[in-house]
Each structure stands twice: as C-alpha cells, then as structure tokens.
N, C-alpha and C. Protein backbone atom coordinates (compact mmCIF):
# COMPACT_ATOMS: atom_id res chain seq x y z
N MET A 1 145.95 36.75 -41.04
CA MET A 1 144.91 37.76 -41.06
C MET A 1 145.04 38.63 -39.82
N GLN A 2 144.97 39.92 -40.00
CA GLN A 2 145.01 40.85 -38.88
C GLN A 2 143.59 41.12 -38.40
N THR A 3 143.50 41.52 -37.14
CA THR A 3 142.21 41.91 -36.59
C THR A 3 142.26 43.39 -36.29
N ILE A 4 141.22 44.10 -36.66
CA ILE A 4 141.13 45.54 -36.45
C ILE A 4 139.99 45.80 -35.47
N PHE A 5 140.20 46.69 -34.52
CA PHE A 5 139.15 47.10 -33.60
C PHE A 5 138.56 48.41 -34.09
N THR A 6 137.24 48.50 -34.13
CA THR A 6 136.59 49.78 -34.39
C THR A 6 135.56 49.95 -33.30
N GLN A 7 135.58 51.09 -32.65
CA GLN A 7 134.67 51.34 -31.54
C GLN A 7 134.66 50.13 -30.60
N CYS A 8 135.85 49.62 -30.31
CA CYS A 8 136.01 48.49 -29.39
C CYS A 8 135.31 47.24 -29.90
N HIS A 9 135.33 47.03 -31.18
CA HIS A 9 134.69 45.88 -31.81
C HIS A 9 135.70 45.24 -32.75
N LEU A 10 135.69 43.91 -32.82
CA LEU A 10 136.62 43.20 -33.69
C LEU A 10 136.15 43.24 -35.13
N LEU A 11 137.08 43.51 -36.02
CA LEU A 11 136.80 43.48 -37.45
C LEU A 11 137.97 42.78 -38.11
N ASN A 12 137.72 41.65 -38.76
CA ASN A 12 138.80 40.92 -39.41
C ASN A 12 139.22 41.62 -40.70
N ASN A 13 140.51 41.76 -40.87
CA ASN A 13 141.07 42.37 -42.07
C ASN A 13 141.07 41.34 -43.20
N SER A 14 141.10 41.81 -44.42
CA SER A 14 141.17 40.93 -45.57
C SER A 14 142.09 41.56 -46.61
N ASP A 15 142.86 40.74 -47.29
CA ASP A 15 143.70 41.24 -48.38
C ASP A 15 142.87 41.61 -49.60
N ASN A 16 141.63 41.16 -49.64
CA ASN A 16 140.72 41.47 -50.74
C ASN A 16 140.02 42.79 -50.42
N LEU A 17 140.31 43.84 -51.19
CA LEU A 17 139.77 45.18 -50.91
C LEU A 17 138.25 45.20 -50.91
N LEU A 18 137.61 44.47 -51.82
CA LEU A 18 136.14 44.45 -51.87
C LEU A 18 135.56 43.83 -50.61
N VAL A 19 136.15 42.73 -50.14
CA VAL A 19 135.68 42.07 -48.92
C VAL A 19 135.86 43.00 -47.73
N PHE A 20 137.04 43.62 -47.64
CA PHE A 20 137.32 44.51 -46.53
C PHE A 20 136.41 45.73 -46.56
N SER A 21 136.20 46.31 -47.75
CA SER A 21 135.33 47.49 -47.88
C SER A 21 133.90 47.18 -47.45
N LYS A 22 133.41 46.01 -47.82
CA LYS A 22 132.05 45.62 -47.42
C LYS A 22 131.96 45.49 -45.90
N ALA A 23 132.97 44.86 -45.30
CA ALA A 23 132.99 44.73 -43.85
C ALA A 23 133.05 46.09 -43.17
N MET A 24 133.83 47.01 -43.74
CA MET A 24 133.92 48.36 -43.16
C MET A 24 132.60 49.11 -43.27
N ARG A 25 131.90 48.95 -44.40
CA ARG A 25 130.59 49.61 -44.55
C ARG A 25 129.60 49.08 -43.51
N LEU A 26 129.60 47.77 -43.30
CA LEU A 26 128.71 47.19 -42.28
C LEU A 26 129.08 47.69 -40.89
N GLU A 27 130.39 47.80 -40.63
CA GLU A 27 130.84 48.29 -39.33
C GLU A 27 130.48 49.77 -39.16
N GLU A 28 130.58 50.55 -40.22
CA GLU A 28 130.18 51.96 -40.16
C GLU A 28 128.71 52.08 -39.77
N GLU A 29 127.87 51.26 -40.36
CA GLU A 29 126.45 51.28 -40.02
C GLU A 29 126.22 50.89 -38.56
N ARG A 30 126.98 49.89 -38.08
CA ARG A 30 126.86 49.47 -36.68
C ARG A 30 127.25 50.60 -35.75
N ILE A 31 128.34 51.30 -36.07
CA ILE A 31 128.83 52.38 -35.22
C ILE A 31 127.83 53.53 -35.17
N LYS A 32 127.19 53.84 -36.28
CA LYS A 32 126.22 54.93 -36.32
C LYS A 32 125.05 54.69 -35.36
N LYS A 33 124.79 53.44 -35.02
CA LYS A 33 123.67 53.10 -34.14
C LYS A 33 124.06 53.07 -32.66
N ILE A 34 125.36 53.15 -32.37
CA ILE A 34 125.83 53.06 -30.98
C ILE A 34 125.47 54.32 -30.22
N LYS A 35 125.02 54.13 -29.01
CA LYS A 35 124.79 55.25 -28.09
C LYS A 35 126.05 55.40 -27.23
N GLY A 36 126.56 56.59 -27.06
CA GLY A 36 127.77 56.80 -26.27
C GLY A 36 129.02 56.54 -27.08
N ILE A 37 130.09 56.12 -26.40
CA ILE A 37 131.37 55.94 -27.10
C ILE A 37 131.72 54.48 -27.35
N GLY A 38 130.84 53.56 -27.05
CA GLY A 38 131.03 52.16 -27.42
C GLY A 38 132.06 51.42 -26.59
N ILE A 39 132.17 51.72 -25.32
CA ILE A 39 133.14 51.04 -24.47
C ILE A 39 132.69 49.60 -24.25
N SER A 40 133.67 48.69 -24.32
CA SER A 40 133.39 47.27 -24.09
C SER A 40 134.58 46.64 -23.40
N GLU A 41 134.55 45.32 -23.25
CA GLU A 41 135.68 44.62 -22.62
C GLU A 41 136.97 44.80 -23.42
N ASN A 42 136.86 45.10 -24.71
CA ASN A 42 138.05 45.31 -25.53
C ASN A 42 138.76 46.63 -25.22
N THR A 43 138.07 47.56 -24.58
CA THR A 43 138.66 48.85 -24.24
C THR A 43 139.89 48.68 -23.36
N MET A 44 139.86 47.71 -22.48
CA MET A 44 140.94 47.52 -21.51
C MET A 44 142.06 46.61 -22.01
N ARG A 45 141.95 46.07 -23.22
CA ARG A 45 142.97 45.17 -23.72
C ARG A 45 144.30 45.90 -23.89
N LYS A 46 145.39 45.20 -23.60
CA LYS A 46 146.72 45.80 -23.69
C LYS A 46 147.44 45.40 -24.97
N ASP A 47 146.80 44.59 -25.81
CA ASP A 47 147.46 44.11 -27.02
C ASP A 47 146.90 44.74 -28.29
N VAL A 48 146.43 45.97 -28.18
CA VAL A 48 145.87 46.67 -29.33
C VAL A 48 146.52 48.04 -29.44
N ILE A 49 146.36 48.66 -30.59
CA ILE A 49 146.76 50.05 -30.79
C ILE A 49 145.48 50.82 -31.03
N HIS A 50 145.31 51.93 -30.36
CA HIS A 50 144.12 52.75 -30.53
C HIS A 50 144.32 53.68 -31.73
N TYR A 51 143.54 53.46 -32.78
CA TYR A 51 143.56 54.31 -33.98
C TYR A 51 142.31 55.16 -34.01
N SER A 52 142.46 56.37 -34.47
CA SER A 52 141.30 57.22 -34.73
C SER A 52 141.65 58.16 -35.87
N SER A 53 140.67 58.87 -36.36
CA SER A 53 140.93 59.83 -37.43
C SER A 53 140.02 61.02 -37.31
N VAL A 54 140.53 62.14 -37.76
CA VAL A 54 139.75 63.37 -37.89
C VAL A 54 139.98 63.87 -39.31
N PRO A 55 139.29 63.27 -40.27
CA PRO A 55 139.58 63.53 -41.69
C PRO A 55 139.13 64.89 -42.19
N TRP A 56 138.54 65.70 -41.35
CA TRP A 56 138.00 66.99 -41.78
C TRP A 56 139.01 68.12 -41.71
N PHE A 57 140.12 67.93 -40.98
CA PHE A 57 141.09 69.01 -40.83
C PHE A 57 142.49 68.45 -40.57
N LYS A 58 143.50 69.31 -40.83
CA LYS A 58 144.88 68.95 -40.53
C LYS A 58 145.09 69.01 -39.02
N ILE A 59 145.91 68.11 -38.51
CA ILE A 59 146.26 68.18 -37.10
C ILE A 59 147.74 68.48 -36.98
N THR A 60 148.10 69.21 -35.94
CA THR A 60 149.50 69.48 -35.66
C THR A 60 149.90 68.90 -34.31
N GLY A 61 148.94 68.42 -33.58
CA GLY A 61 149.18 67.79 -32.29
C GLY A 61 147.85 67.37 -31.71
N LEU A 62 147.90 66.44 -30.78
CA LEU A 62 146.65 65.92 -30.24
C LEU A 62 146.92 65.31 -28.88
N SER A 63 146.06 65.55 -27.93
CA SER A 63 146.14 64.91 -26.62
C SER A 63 144.94 64.00 -26.48
N HIS A 64 145.18 62.81 -25.96
CA HIS A 64 144.10 61.85 -25.75
C HIS A 64 143.69 61.87 -24.29
N ALA A 65 142.38 61.86 -24.05
CA ALA A 65 141.88 61.79 -22.68
C ALA A 65 142.32 60.47 -22.06
N ARG A 66 142.65 60.49 -20.78
CA ARG A 66 143.10 59.28 -20.10
C ARG A 66 142.49 59.19 -18.74
N ASN A 67 142.35 57.96 -18.28
CA ASN A 67 142.00 57.68 -16.90
C ASN A 67 143.27 57.18 -16.23
N TYR A 68 143.90 57.98 -15.41
CA TYR A 68 145.19 57.62 -14.84
C TYR A 68 145.08 56.55 -13.75
N LYS A 69 143.87 56.16 -13.38
CA LYS A 69 143.69 55.05 -12.44
C LYS A 69 143.91 53.71 -13.14
N PHE A 70 143.86 53.71 -14.47
CA PHE A 70 144.06 52.51 -15.26
C PHE A 70 145.44 52.55 -15.89
N GLU A 71 146.23 51.48 -15.69
CA GLU A 71 147.55 51.42 -16.32
C GLU A 71 147.38 51.30 -17.82
N ASP A 72 147.87 52.28 -18.55
CA ASP A 72 147.66 52.33 -19.99
C ASP A 72 148.96 52.68 -20.69
N SER A 73 149.50 51.71 -21.43
CA SER A 73 150.68 51.96 -22.25
C SER A 73 150.38 51.75 -23.71
N VAL A 74 149.10 51.67 -24.05
CA VAL A 74 148.68 51.38 -25.42
C VAL A 74 148.98 52.58 -26.32
N PRO A 75 149.71 52.35 -27.43
CA PRO A 75 149.95 53.45 -28.37
C PRO A 75 148.64 53.99 -28.95
N LYS A 76 148.61 55.28 -29.19
CA LYS A 76 147.44 55.94 -29.75
C LYS A 76 147.88 56.71 -31.00
N ILE A 77 147.26 56.39 -32.13
CA ILE A 77 147.62 57.00 -33.41
C ILE A 77 146.37 57.62 -34.02
N THR A 78 146.47 58.90 -34.36
CA THR A 78 145.34 59.61 -34.97
C THR A 78 145.78 60.19 -36.30
N PHE A 79 144.97 59.96 -37.32
CA PHE A 79 145.23 60.46 -38.66
C PHE A 79 144.39 61.71 -38.90
N GLY A 80 145.01 62.72 -39.51
CA GLY A 80 144.31 63.94 -39.88
C GLY A 80 143.84 63.88 -41.32
N LYS A 81 143.54 65.03 -41.86
CA LYS A 81 143.00 65.15 -43.22
C LYS A 81 144.05 64.77 -44.27
N PHE A 82 143.61 64.03 -45.27
CA PHE A 82 144.45 63.68 -46.42
C PHE A 82 144.39 64.83 -47.41
N GLU A 83 145.57 65.22 -47.92
CA GLU A 83 145.62 66.32 -48.89
C GLU A 83 146.59 66.01 -50.01
N LEU A 84 146.30 66.54 -51.17
CA LEU A 84 147.23 66.53 -52.29
C LEU A 84 147.80 67.93 -52.40
N ASN A 85 149.12 68.04 -52.41
CA ASN A 85 149.80 69.32 -52.57
C ASN A 85 150.73 69.16 -53.77
N GLY A 86 150.21 69.52 -54.95
CA GLY A 86 150.95 69.24 -56.18
C GLY A 86 150.98 67.74 -56.38
N ASN A 87 152.18 67.16 -56.42
CA ASN A 87 152.27 65.71 -56.55
C ASN A 87 152.58 65.04 -55.22
N LYS A 88 152.52 65.80 -54.13
CA LYS A 88 152.78 65.25 -52.80
C LYS A 88 151.47 64.85 -52.13
N LYS A 89 151.49 63.68 -51.49
CA LYS A 89 150.35 63.21 -50.70
C LYS A 89 150.70 63.41 -49.24
N ILE A 90 149.85 64.13 -48.54
CA ILE A 90 150.14 64.52 -47.17
C ILE A 90 148.99 64.12 -46.26
N MET A 91 149.32 63.53 -45.12
CA MET A 91 148.33 63.25 -44.08
C MET A 91 149.06 63.38 -42.74
N ASN A 92 148.68 64.36 -41.95
CA ASN A 92 149.28 64.54 -40.64
C ASN A 92 148.87 63.39 -39.73
N ILE A 93 149.81 62.98 -38.88
CA ILE A 93 149.57 61.89 -37.95
C ILE A 93 150.07 62.30 -36.58
N SER A 94 149.28 62.01 -35.56
CA SER A 94 149.71 62.19 -34.18
C SER A 94 149.94 60.80 -33.59
N ILE A 95 151.13 60.59 -33.03
CA ILE A 95 151.46 59.30 -32.42
C ILE A 95 151.83 59.53 -30.97
N ASN A 96 151.08 58.91 -30.07
CA ASN A 96 151.38 58.98 -28.64
C ASN A 96 151.72 57.57 -28.18
N GLY A 97 152.86 57.42 -27.54
CA GLY A 97 153.23 56.10 -27.04
C GLY A 97 154.22 56.22 -25.91
N HIS A 98 154.25 55.22 -25.08
CA HIS A 98 155.18 55.14 -23.96
C HIS A 98 156.57 54.83 -24.53
N HIS A 99 157.55 55.67 -24.23
CA HIS A 99 158.88 55.52 -24.82
C HIS A 99 159.54 54.19 -24.44
N GLY A 100 159.15 53.62 -23.32
CA GLY A 100 159.69 52.32 -22.92
C GLY A 100 159.22 51.20 -23.84
N LEU A 101 158.15 51.43 -24.58
CA LEU A 101 157.59 50.41 -25.46
C LEU A 101 157.68 50.78 -26.93
N LEU A 102 157.92 52.05 -27.22
CA LEU A 102 157.82 52.55 -28.59
C LEU A 102 158.92 53.60 -28.77
N ASP A 103 159.97 53.25 -29.53
CA ASP A 103 161.03 54.25 -29.68
C ASP A 103 161.01 54.89 -31.06
N GLY A 104 161.79 55.93 -31.21
CA GLY A 104 161.80 56.71 -32.44
C GLY A 104 162.17 55.92 -33.67
N TYR A 105 163.07 54.96 -33.52
CA TYR A 105 163.48 54.15 -34.67
C TYR A 105 162.28 53.42 -35.27
N HIS A 106 161.50 52.76 -34.43
CA HIS A 106 160.35 51.99 -34.91
C HIS A 106 159.22 52.90 -35.41
N VAL A 107 159.05 54.04 -34.78
CA VAL A 107 158.07 55.01 -35.28
C VAL A 107 158.51 55.49 -36.66
N GLY A 108 159.81 55.72 -36.85
CA GLY A 108 160.32 56.13 -38.15
C GLY A 108 160.05 55.09 -39.23
N ILE A 109 160.23 53.81 -38.90
CA ILE A 109 159.94 52.73 -39.85
C ILE A 109 158.45 52.73 -40.20
N TYR A 110 157.61 52.88 -39.18
CA TYR A 110 156.16 52.92 -39.39
C TYR A 110 155.79 54.08 -40.33
N LEU A 111 156.34 55.26 -40.06
CA LEU A 111 156.00 56.43 -40.87
C LEU A 111 156.52 56.31 -42.29
N LYS A 112 157.72 55.75 -42.47
CA LYS A 112 158.24 55.54 -43.81
C LYS A 112 157.36 54.56 -44.58
N THR A 113 156.96 53.48 -43.94
CA THR A 113 156.08 52.51 -44.59
C THR A 113 154.75 53.15 -44.96
N PHE A 114 154.20 53.95 -44.04
CA PHE A 114 152.94 54.63 -44.30
C PHE A 114 153.08 55.58 -45.50
N GLN A 115 154.17 56.36 -45.55
CA GLN A 115 154.39 57.27 -46.67
C GLN A 115 154.58 56.50 -47.97
N ASP A 116 155.30 55.39 -47.93
CA ASP A 116 155.47 54.55 -49.12
C ASP A 116 154.13 54.06 -49.63
N LEU A 117 153.23 53.66 -48.72
CA LEU A 117 151.90 53.22 -49.12
C LEU A 117 151.10 54.36 -49.73
N LEU A 118 151.19 55.56 -49.15
CA LEU A 118 150.51 56.72 -49.73
C LEU A 118 151.04 56.98 -51.15
N ASN A 119 152.34 56.93 -51.30
CA ASN A 119 152.96 57.22 -52.60
C ASN A 119 152.62 56.18 -53.66
N SER A 120 152.33 54.95 -53.23
CA SER A 120 152.08 53.87 -54.20
C SER A 120 150.67 53.91 -54.78
N GLU A 121 149.79 54.67 -54.20
CA GLU A 121 148.40 54.73 -54.68
C GLU A 121 148.26 55.75 -55.80
C-alpha cells in the first residue's frame, strides 16, 4: 500500500477505487477547513514527492516557492488542466527535481507510464 500526502497529511492509497474515492472526499473536506497552507512536521520530510495541481488551466512552466535556508531536494510535480483534443488525452505537467537525484531517463519512464494510464481510461 502506498501512502499519499495531501496538505502535509497522510492518506493511505487503496487499489479499490471506491475506498480511495471515499478517503479522498473526506480529505477534501478536511482541507477545506484548514486555515493557512497546512504546514506540519511532514512538510520537512525528505522521503516524499510534492504533488499539486491547477486543473483550471494549461501550464507551460511553473516555479515553486522555496526557502533556501532549508536543504530541499524533494521533487515537485504539478499537473495542469486535463483536456481531450480529438482522441488525444492531454495534461500538461511541470516536474522540478534535483538532477543529482532525478535524471531524464527516469522522468521519461514516469511520463510514459502516466501517458499510458491516461490512454487506458
């Protein structure tokens, strides 16, 4: 089982879509009640990937705010708007990562897998 962080909160993944969807709905309600940006002890963890999305528009690039006093090599991945263009499924993605930890080959595998998953739906 994978663990997913949302707003610096643990959310256990499930292979059962109904179970996962229910957990996500509960987490969405929790996040709506948060004041501020929800920073917690999980914010500083080095074993996570920071995911975010801006589903309202296409992205062509993105910069993430950083505190350079904190050593941060955590990859940051942001998903843009999902679109259908004829029979093509398109979703722009911004990936920021330290090249010493994340090289183009592995990013390419990730993106191919992601596209394969989009195409399978």
